[in-house]
Amino acid sequence: MLKDKRIVLGVTGGIAVYKACDLVSRLKKQGAQVRVVLTEHACHFVPPLTFETLSGNPAYTDTFAPRAEMEHIALSKWADAFVIAPATANCLAKLANGIADDLLSTTALAMTAPLLIAPAMNANMWRHPATQANLQTLLARGARTVGPGEGHLACGDDDIGRMSEPSEIVAALDALLNSRRDFEGVRVLVTAGPTVERIDPVRYITNRSTGKMGYAIAEAARDRGAEVALVSGPVRLAAPAGVALVPVESSADLCAAVLARGEWADVVIQAAAPADFRPAEYSQSKIKKTGEGMALRLENTTDIAAELGRRKRPGQLLVAFAAETDDMVENAKGKLERKNADLIVANDVGRTDAGFGVDTNAVTLITRDDQQALPLMRKREVADGILDRVAALMERGK
């Protein structure tokens, strides 16, 4: 919880400013004290009076406004955390290069409290090498990020660049200020996303996994003190700060990367959705359309979970996922035995509000001794629920 925590919120000029209003409201409901600093451009979207009303404190906009104290210094001494949401590409550039030409950037330069950044911008701006270089500079200095997410952007595109939801930012801030360190010294290997199995240079088969659940688990494990490696199929998500990212494409790539790191890990959490089948033959040239039907012969891919279960060393914990549409619990229990897993995370991917492609999930955690249903909640909250169960299993194994 954030009760009595002192939060300075920096708001920069982007269409996502309206979400910052909700963020202030949520922080206040948790008992936090909030002071808002706006850039001149942010004021074009939402007037300072809105933030003053929501926060119950003055909103700060002008470096040279008459006052009894230097506001940027006073705010830096007051804050327990500094959050910038939304953070534009211009803001990231200023922060990375130490530019202090307005009240927000001057406050940032004076700030010693932890920094949490929620980027929001056009997808091309986010992917630009300059933005990514600025981001890496800030991460190397200890800043934390939340998002950006993927969704409908103000420019009309459906792509990465959407500011994280206020609930996600609150959760990230809570983890930053009240982080549990129960995974300190634990090495966690997480898999995430789909795999791509190529038919020819143009076509492939894949599945609907977006990687959101696996990335949430990797971030939660990191925040709880773990050393984390994330093996990820092709996704449209920002690489989590402080996590060793290993990008892969096919199920064969995923298998090789996971088995190479299996001995290193104390806990393996297989949230990826590797293809169960791949084309038996790959055509080096594009297969031409002839007007007749085409039969595609498939072959089984390696069962990565079963292979990890076979190689599992004493004391190592193996967590597998079971994406089901029918008889979820019974099918998951069977997988628990066949894979030699310690915990199965079962979810009904037939639901529209859980599983693939959405920000929420509802899962059932199944061990050999019991099962626990987690209600529908955001995937970051589900991730912590899974890690709570893993922590209990680690404690039992001591």
Protein backbone atom coordinates (compact mmCIF):
# COMPACT_ATOMS: atom_id res chain seq x y z
CA MET A 1 0.00 0.00 0.00
CA LEU A 2 1.00 3.61 -0.54
CA LYS A 3 -0.50 5.13 2.60
CA ASP A 4 1.38 8.30 3.62
CA LYS A 5 3.87 7.89 0.75
CA ARG A 6 4.84 11.24 -0.77
CA ILE A 7 4.63 11.11 -4.55
CA VAL A 8 5.73 13.80 -6.97
CA LEU A 9 3.97 13.24 -10.30
CA GLY A 10 5.49 14.81 -13.40
CA VAL A 11 3.06 15.28 -16.29
CA THR A 12 4.32 16.03 -19.79
CA GLY A 13 2.46 17.08 -22.92
CA GLY A 14 0.77 14.10 -24.58
CA ILE A 15 -2.77 12.96 -25.19
CA ALA A 16 -2.38 10.43 -22.36
CA VAL A 17 -2.44 13.30 -19.84
CA TYR A 18 -6.08 12.43 -19.15
CA LYS A 19 -4.90 9.12 -17.62
CA ALA A 20 -2.71 11.07 -15.20
CA CYS A 21 -5.89 12.49 -13.66
CA ASP A 22 -7.08 8.97 -12.88
CA LEU A 23 -3.61 8.13 -11.55
CA VAL A 24 -3.76 11.00 -9.04
CA SER A 25 -7.20 9.85 -7.91
CA ARG A 26 -6.01 6.27 -7.41
CA LEU A 27 -2.95 7.38 -5.47
CA LYS A 28 -5.10 9.51 -3.19
CA LYS A 29 -7.48 6.62 -2.56
CA GLN A 30 -4.51 4.58 -1.37
CA GLY A 31 -3.64 7.31 1.12
CA ALA A 32 -0.67 8.78 -0.73
CA GLN A 33 0.19 12.46 -0.70
CA VAL A 34 0.55 13.76 -4.26
CA ARG A 35 2.10 16.90 -5.70
CA VAL A 36 1.90 17.43 -9.45
CA VAL A 37 4.40 19.21 -11.70
CA LEU A 38 3.20 19.98 -15.24
CA THR A 39 5.09 21.09 -18.30
CA GLU A 40 3.75 24.00 -20.34
CA HIS A 41 2.58 21.57 -23.04
CA ALA A 42 0.76 19.39 -20.51
CA CYS A 43 -1.32 22.42 -19.50
CA HIS A 44 -2.71 22.59 -23.04
CA PHE A 45 -4.37 19.20 -22.48
CA VAL A 46 -5.52 19.47 -18.84
CA PRO A 47 -5.48 22.68 -16.77
CA PRO A 48 -3.51 22.72 -13.50
CA LEU A 49 -6.72 23.35 -11.56
CA THR A 50 -7.85 19.77 -12.32
CA PHE A 51 -4.75 18.33 -10.70
CA GLU A 52 -5.00 20.76 -7.77
CA THR A 53 -8.56 19.61 -7.14
CA LEU A 54 -7.72 15.91 -7.40
CA SER A 55 -4.52 16.05 -5.34
CA GLY A 56 -5.58 18.63 -2.75
CA ASN A 57 -2.25 20.40 -3.29
CA PRO A 58 -1.06 23.20 -5.54
CA ALA A 59 0.00 22.17 -9.05
CA TYR A 60 3.42 23.45 -10.09
CA THR A 61 4.09 24.76 -13.60
CA ASP A 62 6.42 27.75 -13.60
CA THR A 63 10.06 27.75 -12.55
CA PHE A 64 9.96 31.52 -12.02
CA ALA A 65 6.61 31.89 -10.22
CA PRO A 66 6.90 33.98 -7.01
CA ARG A 67 7.36 31.70 -4.03
CA ALA A 68 9.12 31.54 -0.69
CA GLU A 69 11.37 28.62 -1.65
CA MET A 70 13.01 27.02 -4.68
CA GLU A 71 10.26 24.60 -5.61
CA HIS A 72 12.38 22.04 -7.48
CA ILE A 73 14.64 21.67 -4.44
CA ALA A 74 11.75 21.51 -1.99
CA LEU A 75 9.97 18.84 -4.07
CA SER A 76 13.12 16.76 -4.36
CA LYS A 77 13.57 16.80 -0.58
CA TRP A 78 9.90 16.01 0.05
CA ALA A 79 9.38 13.08 -2.33
CA ASP A 80 9.50 9.37 -1.57
CA ALA A 81 9.15 8.69 -5.30
CA PHE A 82 9.09 10.62 -8.55
CA VAL A 83 6.72 9.36 -11.24
CA ILE A 84 6.53 10.81 -14.75
CA ALA A 85 3.31 9.84 -16.54
CA PRO A 86 2.98 10.34 -19.39
CA ALA A 87 6.65 10.63 -20.31
CA THR A 88 7.08 11.83 -23.90
CA ALA A 89 10.08 11.15 -26.14
CA ASN A 90 11.19 14.72 -25.51
CA CYS A 91 11.02 14.16 -21.77
CA LEU A 92 13.15 10.99 -22.01
CA ALA A 93 15.73 12.90 -24.05
CA LYS A 94 15.90 15.68 -21.45
CA LEU A 95 16.21 13.26 -18.54
CA ALA A 96 18.92 11.21 -20.25
CA ASN A 97 21.00 14.24 -21.14
CA GLY A 98 20.55 16.25 -17.96
CA ILE A 99 18.71 19.12 -19.62
CA ALA A 100 16.89 21.31 -17.10
CA ASP A 101 14.97 24.02 -18.95
CA ASP A 102 11.60 23.91 -17.17
CA LEU A 103 10.31 23.12 -13.69
CA LEU A 104 9.75 19.41 -14.33
CA SER A 105 13.18 18.73 -15.81
CA THR A 106 14.85 20.89 -13.14
CA THR A 107 13.02 18.93 -10.45
CA ALA A 108 14.13 15.68 -12.09
CA LEU A 109 17.77 16.78 -12.03
CA ALA A 110 17.54 17.63 -8.33
CA MET A 111 15.59 14.50 -7.39
CA THR A 112 17.23 11.73 -5.35
CA ALA A 113 14.07 9.66 -4.81
CA PRO A 114 13.42 6.60 -7.03
CA LEU A 115 12.24 7.44 -10.54
CA LEU A 116 9.40 5.59 -12.29
CA ILE A 117 8.73 6.46 -15.93
CA ALA A 118 5.55 5.65 -17.90
CA PRO A 119 6.39 6.37 -21.55
CA ALA A 120 3.70 7.34 -24.05
CA MET A 121 4.31 8.21 -27.69
CA ASN A 122 3.88 7.17 -31.31
CA ALA A 123 5.29 3.71 -32.07
CA ASN A 124 7.91 5.03 -34.50
CA MET A 125 9.08 7.57 -31.94
CA TRP A 126 9.33 4.79 -29.34
CA ARG A 127 11.35 2.56 -31.66
CA HIS A 128 13.68 5.36 -32.82
CA PRO A 129 17.31 4.59 -31.90
CA ALA A 130 17.63 7.91 -30.07
CA THR A 131 14.66 7.14 -27.81
CA GLN A 132 15.90 3.64 -27.11
CA ALA A 133 19.40 4.93 -26.34
CA ASN A 134 17.96 7.53 -23.96
CA LEU A 135 15.89 4.83 -22.29
CA GLN A 136 18.90 2.58 -21.79
CA THR A 137 20.82 5.50 -20.26
CA LEU A 138 18.03 6.07 -17.73
CA LEU A 139 17.73 2.37 -16.91
CA ALA A 140 21.48 2.17 -16.32
CA ARG A 141 21.10 4.99 -13.79
CA GLY A 142 18.48 3.03 -11.88
CA ALA A 143 15.22 4.39 -13.29
CA ARG A 144 12.29 1.99 -13.56
CA THR A 145 9.76 1.92 -16.37
CA VAL A 146 6.21 0.69 -16.69
CA GLY A 147 5.04 0.14 -20.26
CA PRO A 148 4.48 1.33 -22.85
CA GLY A 149 1.71 -1.05 -23.79
CA GLU A 150 0.21 -1.97 -27.11
CA GLY A 151 -3.17 -0.69 -28.25
CA HIS A 152 -5.00 1.99 -30.19
CA LEU A 153 -2.94 5.18 -30.33
CA ALA A 154 -4.07 8.76 -30.88
CA CYS A 155 -2.52 8.70 -34.35
CA GLY A 156 -4.91 5.93 -35.32
CA ASP A 157 -2.39 3.09 -35.32
CA ASP A 158 -2.74 -0.07 -33.28
CA ASP A 159 0.81 -0.51 -32.04
CA ILE A 160 3.15 -0.09 -29.10
CA GLY A 161 3.36 3.31 -27.40
CA ARG A 162 0.20 3.43 -25.29
CA MET A 163 0.74 4.66 -21.74
CA SER A 164 0.18 1.97 -19.12
CA GLU A 165 -3.13 2.04 -17.31
CA PRO A 166 -3.16 3.97 -14.00
CA SER A 167 -3.75 0.71 -12.08
CA GLU A 168 -0.56 -0.73 -13.61
CA ILE A 169 1.42 2.38 -12.66
CA VAL A 170 0.11 2.23 -9.09
CA ALA A 171 1.10 -1.45 -8.90
CA ALA A 172 4.58 -0.66 -10.23
CA LEU A 173 4.97 2.18 -7.74
CA ASP A 174 3.84 -0.08 -4.91
CA ALA A 175 6.41 -2.68 -5.99
CA LEU A 176 9.09 0.03 -6.15
CA LEU A 177 8.42 1.41 -2.67
CA ASN A 178 7.19 -1.70 -0.85
CA SER A 179 8.97 -4.45 -2.69
CA ARG A 180 9.22 -7.86 -1.11
CA ARG A 181 12.65 -9.42 -1.47
CA ASP A 182 11.63 -13.03 -0.93
CA PHE A 183 13.32 -14.08 -4.19
CA GLU A 184 16.68 -12.52 -3.30
CA GLY A 185 19.43 -14.83 -4.57
CA VAL A 186 16.98 -16.97 -6.59
CA ARG A 187 17.61 -17.47 -10.31
CA VAL A 188 14.37 -17.52 -12.30
CA LEU A 189 14.05 -18.54 -15.94
CA VAL A 190 10.81 -17.39 -17.60
CA THR A 191 9.54 -18.14 -21.09
CA ALA A 192 7.00 -15.93 -22.84
CA GLY A 193 5.17 -15.36 -26.07
CA PRO A 194 4.41 -17.49 -29.13
CA THR A 195 6.73 -19.26 -31.52
CA VAL A 196 6.80 -18.92 -35.30
CA GLU A 197 7.07 -22.08 -37.40
CA ARG A 198 7.90 -21.18 -40.99
CA ILE A 199 6.30 -22.83 -44.02
CA ASP A 200 8.20 -20.85 -46.67
CA PRO A 201 9.91 -17.43 -46.76
CA VAL A 202 6.49 -15.74 -46.66
CA ARG A 203 4.17 -17.90 -44.55
CA TYR A 204 4.27 -19.36 -41.08
CA ILE A 205 2.02 -20.82 -38.38
CA THR A 206 1.83 -19.34 -34.90
CA ASN A 207 -0.70 -18.71 -32.11
CA ARG A 208 -2.42 -15.85 -30.29
CA SER A 209 0.00 -15.49 -27.37
CA THR A 210 1.15 -11.89 -26.82
CA GLY A 211 3.70 -12.58 -24.07
CA LYS A 212 1.98 -10.30 -21.55
CA MET A 213 1.70 -12.98 -18.85
CA GLY A 214 5.32 -14.09 -19.13
CA TYR A 215 6.62 -10.52 -19.15
CA ALA A 216 4.53 -9.72 -16.07
CA ILE A 217 6.04 -12.74 -14.27
CA ALA A 218 9.57 -11.69 -15.23
CA GLU A 219 8.99 -8.16 -13.93
CA ALA A 220 7.40 -9.40 -10.70
CA ALA A 221 10.27 -11.82 -10.04
CA ARG A 222 12.77 -9.03 -10.70
CA ASP A 223 10.98 -6.71 -8.30
CA ARG A 224 11.05 -9.41 -5.62
CA GLY A 225 14.83 -9.71 -5.86
CA ALA A 226 15.35 -12.54 -8.33
CA GLU A 227 17.97 -12.72 -11.04
CA VAL A 228 15.79 -13.21 -14.11
CA ALA A 229 16.36 -14.51 -17.62
CA LEU A 230 13.44 -14.11 -20.03
CA VAL A 231 13.36 -16.27 -23.17
CA SER A 232 10.81 -14.64 -25.44
CA GLY A 233 9.22 -15.43 -28.74
CA PRO A 234 8.26 -12.60 -31.13
CA VAL A 235 6.15 -10.07 -29.20
CA ARG A 236 5.43 -6.35 -29.32
CA LEU A 237 6.40 -5.57 -25.74
CA ALA A 238 9.22 -3.46 -24.33
CA ALA A 239 12.06 -5.49 -22.83
CA PRO A 240 11.77 -5.36 -19.01
CA ALA A 241 14.53 -3.36 -17.34
CA GLY A 242 16.94 -5.41 -15.26
CA VAL A 243 16.00 -8.68 -16.95
CA ALA A 244 18.26 -10.67 -19.30
CA LEU A 245 16.21 -10.96 -22.50
CA VAL A 246 16.86 -13.85 -24.88
CA PRO A 247 14.83 -13.42 -28.12
CA VAL A 248 13.90 -16.57 -30.06
CA GLU A 249 11.63 -17.35 -32.99
CA SER A 250 10.79 -21.03 -33.41
CA SER A 251 9.96 -23.74 -30.88
CA ALA A 252 13.35 -25.31 -31.69
CA ASP A 253 15.03 -21.99 -30.81
CA LEU A 254 13.02 -21.80 -27.60
CA CYS A 255 13.91 -25.37 -26.67
CA ALA A 256 17.63 -24.80 -27.23
CA ALA A 257 17.65 -21.54 -25.25
CA VAL A 258 15.72 -23.02 -22.33
CA LEU A 259 17.70 -26.25 -22.10
CA ALA A 260 20.97 -24.29 -22.26
CA ARG A 261 19.87 -22.31 -19.19
CA GLY A 262 17.93 -25.04 -17.38
CA GLU A 263 20.76 -26.04 -15.09
CA TRP A 264 21.38 -22.39 -14.15
CA ALA A 265 17.83 -21.76 -12.95
CA ASP A 266 16.44 -22.45 -9.49
CA VAL A 267 12.91 -21.88 -10.81
CA VAL A 268 11.69 -22.35 -14.38
CA ILE A 269 8.33 -20.78 -15.27
CA GLN A 270 7.10 -21.74 -18.72
CA ALA A 271 4.56 -19.11 -19.62
CA ALA A 272 5.35 -19.27 -23.34
CA ALA A 273 3.01 -20.92 -25.82
CA PRO A 274 5.35 -22.88 -28.08
CA ALA A 275 3.80 -24.52 -31.12
CA ASP A 276 2.97 -28.19 -30.68
CA PHE A 277 3.42 -28.77 -34.41
CA ARG A 278 5.62 -27.43 -37.19
CA PRO A 279 5.66 -27.98 -40.96
CA ALA A 280 7.41 -31.25 -41.75
CA GLU A 281 9.14 -29.59 -44.69
CA TYR A 282 10.29 -26.01 -45.25
CA SER A 283 10.18 -24.63 -48.78
CA GLN A 284 13.14 -22.41 -49.64
CA SER A 285 10.97 -20.66 -52.23
CA LYS A 286 7.51 -19.19 -51.90
CA ILE A 287 4.89 -21.85 -52.54
CA LYS A 288 2.84 -20.67 -55.52
CA LYS A 289 -0.93 -20.57 -55.52
CA THR A 290 -2.14 -23.08 -58.10
CA GLY A 291 -5.89 -22.86 -57.66
CA GLU A 292 -5.99 -26.24 -55.99
CA GLY A 293 -6.02 -26.98 -52.28
CA MET A 294 -2.74 -27.58 -50.52
CA ALA A 295 -2.10 -30.20 -47.85
CA LEU A 296 0.33 -29.13 -45.15
CA ARG A 297 1.95 -32.02 -43.33
CA LEU A 298 2.88 -31.26 -39.72
CA GLU A 299 5.20 -32.96 -37.28
CA ASN A 300 5.47 -32.73 -33.51
CA THR A 301 7.84 -30.25 -31.92
CA THR A 302 9.91 -31.14 -28.87
CA ASP A 303 7.91 -31.17 -25.64
CA ILE A 304 10.01 -28.60 -23.81
CA ALA A 305 8.20 -28.92 -20.48
CA ALA A 306 8.58 -32.72 -20.48
CA GLU A 307 12.26 -32.46 -21.37
CA LEU A 308 12.83 -29.99 -18.53
CA GLY A 309 10.94 -32.28 -16.19
CA ARG A 310 13.14 -35.19 -17.21
CA ARG A 311 16.29 -33.13 -16.55
CA LYS A 312 15.04 -31.45 -13.36
CA ARG A 313 17.72 -31.41 -10.70
CA PRO A 314 17.06 -31.82 -6.95
CA GLY A 315 15.68 -28.63 -5.42
CA GLN A 316 14.73 -27.10 -8.77
CA LEU A 317 11.10 -26.00 -9.24
CA LEU A 318 9.32 -26.40 -12.55
CA VAL A 319 6.18 -24.36 -13.29
CA ALA A 320 4.22 -25.12 -16.46
CA PHE A 321 1.16 -23.48 -18.00
CA ALA A 322 -1.89 -25.31 -19.31
CA ALA A 323 -3.95 -23.28 -21.78
CA GLU A 324 -7.23 -25.19 -22.03
CA THR A 325 -10.69 -24.77 -23.50
CA ASP A 326 -12.35 -27.88 -22.01
CA ASP A 327 -11.94 -29.85 -18.75
CA MET A 328 -9.31 -27.35 -17.63
CA VAL A 329 -8.53 -28.73 -14.17
CA GLU A 330 -8.47 -32.39 -15.16
CA ASN A 331 -6.28 -31.75 -18.19
CA ALA A 332 -3.93 -29.62 -16.09
CA LYS A 333 -3.61 -32.36 -13.43
CA GLY A 334 -2.64 -34.81 -16.14
CA LYS A 335 0.00 -32.40 -17.41
CA LEU A 336 1.39 -32.03 -13.89
CA GLU A 337 2.24 -35.73 -13.82
CA ARG A 338 3.38 -36.10 -17.42
CA LYS A 339 5.75 -33.12 -17.28
CA ASN A 340 7.10 -33.87 -13.78
CA ALA A 341 6.17 -30.29 -12.87
CA ASP A 342 5.76 -28.90 -9.36
CA LEU A 343 3.04 -26.39 -10.25
CA ILE A 344 0.63 -26.04 -13.15
CA VAL A 345 -0.95 -22.68 -13.96
CA ALA A 346 -4.20 -23.53 -15.74
CA ASN A 347 -6.22 -20.95 -17.61
CA ASP A 348 -9.28 -21.10 -19.82
CA VAL A 349 -8.23 -19.50 -23.10
CA GLY A 350 -11.78 -19.76 -24.38
CA ARG A 351 -12.72 -16.75 -22.25
CA THR A 352 -12.67 -13.28 -23.79
CA ASP A 353 -11.53 -11.56 -20.57
CA ALA A 354 -8.61 -13.88 -19.76
CA GLY A 355 -5.74 -15.65 -21.47
CA PHE A 356 -4.39 -14.54 -24.83
CA GLY A 357 -4.34 -10.93 -25.98
CA VAL A 358 -5.84 -9.20 -22.93
CA ASP A 359 -4.41 -7.51 -19.84
CA THR A 360 -6.32 -9.67 -17.34
CA ASN A 361 -6.23 -13.34 -16.44
CA ALA A 362 -7.97 -15.85 -14.17
CA VAL A 363 -5.99 -18.98 -13.38
CA THR A 364 -6.05 -22.05 -11.19
CA LEU A 365 -2.79 -23.05 -9.47
CA ILE A 366 -2.49 -26.81 -9.20
CA THR A 367 0.09 -28.81 -7.24
CA ARG A 368 0.13 -32.46 -6.24
CA ASP A 369 -1.40 -31.53 -2.89
CA ASP A 370 -3.97 -28.84 -3.62
CA GLN A 371 -5.37 -26.29 -6.03
CA GLN A 372 -6.09 -22.58 -5.69
CA ALA A 373 -8.22 -20.46 -8.00
CA LEU A 374 -7.15 -16.85 -8.52
CA PRO A 375 -9.99 -14.53 -9.58
CA LEU A 376 -9.92 -12.33 -12.66
CA MET A 377 -7.31 -9.62 -12.16
CA ARG A 378 -4.54 -7.85 -14.01
CA LYS A 379 -1.72 -10.05 -15.19
CA ARG A 380 0.83 -8.36 -12.92
CA GLU A 381 -1.34 -9.30 -9.93
CA VAL A 382 -1.66 -12.85 -11.27
CA ALA A 383 2.14 -12.94 -11.61
CA ASP A 384 2.58 -12.12 -7.93
CA GLY A 385 -0.02 -14.76 -7.05
CA ILE A 386 1.97 -17.36 -8.96
CA LEU A 387 5.21 -16.26 -7.29
CA ASP A 388 3.54 -16.42 -3.86
CA ARG A 389 2.77 -20.09 -4.55
CA VAL A 390 6.31 -20.71 -5.83
CA ALA A 391 7.73 -19.09 -2.68
CA ALA A 392 5.61 -21.40 -0.52
CA LEU A 393 6.90 -24.42 -2.44
CA MET A 394 10.50 -23.23 -2.05
CA GLU A 395 9.98 -22.78 1.69
CA ARG A 396 8.50 -26.26 1.97
CA GLY A 397 11.48 -27.75 0.15
CA LYS A 398 14.03 -26.26 2.54
